[in-house]
């Protein structure tokens, strides 16, 4: 599980962001933990956006190079 404020990356999309909250989604008859991630797209579009209710398992801890 990630803590609020930790940086995470979605390996499938390459998206990097900061965990700002949690949620749950019903999946396969049970609740699954989801993350709310603030994605900083300042380099590409100059905007920030919140990725809501994304599965926890879709993200890994990101360590800055």
Protein backbone atom coordinates (compact mmCIF):
# COMPACT_ATOMS: atom_id res chain seq x y z
CA UNK A 1 0.00 0.00 0.00
CA UNK A 2 1.17 3.52 -0.69
CA UNK A 3 1.02 6.42 1.73
CA UNK A 4 -0.50 9.78 0.85
CA UNK A 5 2.23 12.00 -0.54
CA UNK A 6 4.26 9.17 -2.07
CA UNK A 7 5.23 9.34 -5.74
CA UNK A 8 3.98 6.48 -7.91
CA UNK A 9 4.22 5.45 -11.55
CA UNK A 10 1.89 3.50 -13.79
CA UNK A 11 4.26 1.18 -15.71
CA UNK A 12 1.72 0.66 -18.52
CA UNK A 13 1.36 4.36 -19.34
CA UNK A 14 4.55 5.83 -17.83
CA UNK A 15 2.41 8.32 -15.89
CA UNK A 16 3.97 9.67 -12.69
CA UNK A 17 2.04 11.33 -9.89
CA UNK A 18 1.52 11.80 -6.18
CA UNK A 19 -0.96 9.78 -4.11
CA UNK A 20 -3.56 12.17 -2.67
CA UNK A 21 -6.23 9.75 -1.49
CA UNK A 22 -7.83 6.33 -1.53
CA UNK A 23 -11.08 4.71 -2.49
CA UNK A 24 -12.71 1.35 -3.19
CA UNK A 25 -14.27 -0.29 -6.20
CA UNK A 26 -16.36 -3.43 -6.41
CA UNK A 27 -14.48 -5.88 -8.62
CA UNK A 28 -15.20 -9.61 -8.95
CA UNK A 29 -17.72 -9.51 -6.13
CA UNK A 30 -15.46 -7.79 -3.59
CA UNK A 31 -13.98 -4.43 -2.76
CA UNK A 32 -10.61 -3.49 -4.27
CA UNK A 33 -8.45 -0.61 -3.05
CA UNK A 34 -8.10 2.26 -5.48
CA UNK A 35 -5.84 5.31 -5.49
CA UNK A 36 -6.43 8.94 -6.27
CA UNK A 37 -3.29 10.24 -7.93
CA UNK A 38 -2.45 13.85 -8.78
CA UNK A 39 -0.73 13.62 -12.15
CA UNK A 40 1.53 16.49 -13.11
CA UNK A 41 1.50 16.98 -16.86
CA UNK A 42 3.27 20.33 -16.72
CA UNK A 43 5.86 19.24 -19.26
CA UNK A 44 3.36 18.11 -21.89
CA UNK A 45 0.27 20.29 -21.40
CA UNK A 46 0.96 22.60 -18.49
CA UNK A 47 -1.90 21.10 -16.49
CA UNK A 48 -2.43 18.93 -13.46
CA UNK A 49 -5.18 16.38 -13.24
CA UNK A 50 -6.48 13.88 -10.72
CA UNK A 51 -6.70 10.26 -11.78
CA UNK A 52 -9.57 9.00 -9.67
CA UNK A 53 -10.39 5.47 -8.66
CA UNK A 54 -7.46 3.82 -10.38
CA UNK A 55 -6.64 0.32 -9.15
CA UNK A 56 -3.87 0.17 -6.54
CA UNK A 57 -2.29 -2.75 -8.41
CA UNK A 58 -1.78 -0.58 -11.53
CA UNK A 59 0.83 1.56 -9.75
CA UNK A 60 4.38 1.06 -8.42
CA UNK A 61 6.50 3.23 -6.13
CA UNK A 62 8.49 5.74 -8.19
CA UNK A 63 12.03 6.64 -7.23
CA UNK A 64 13.39 9.73 -8.96
CA UNK A 65 16.41 8.98 -11.16
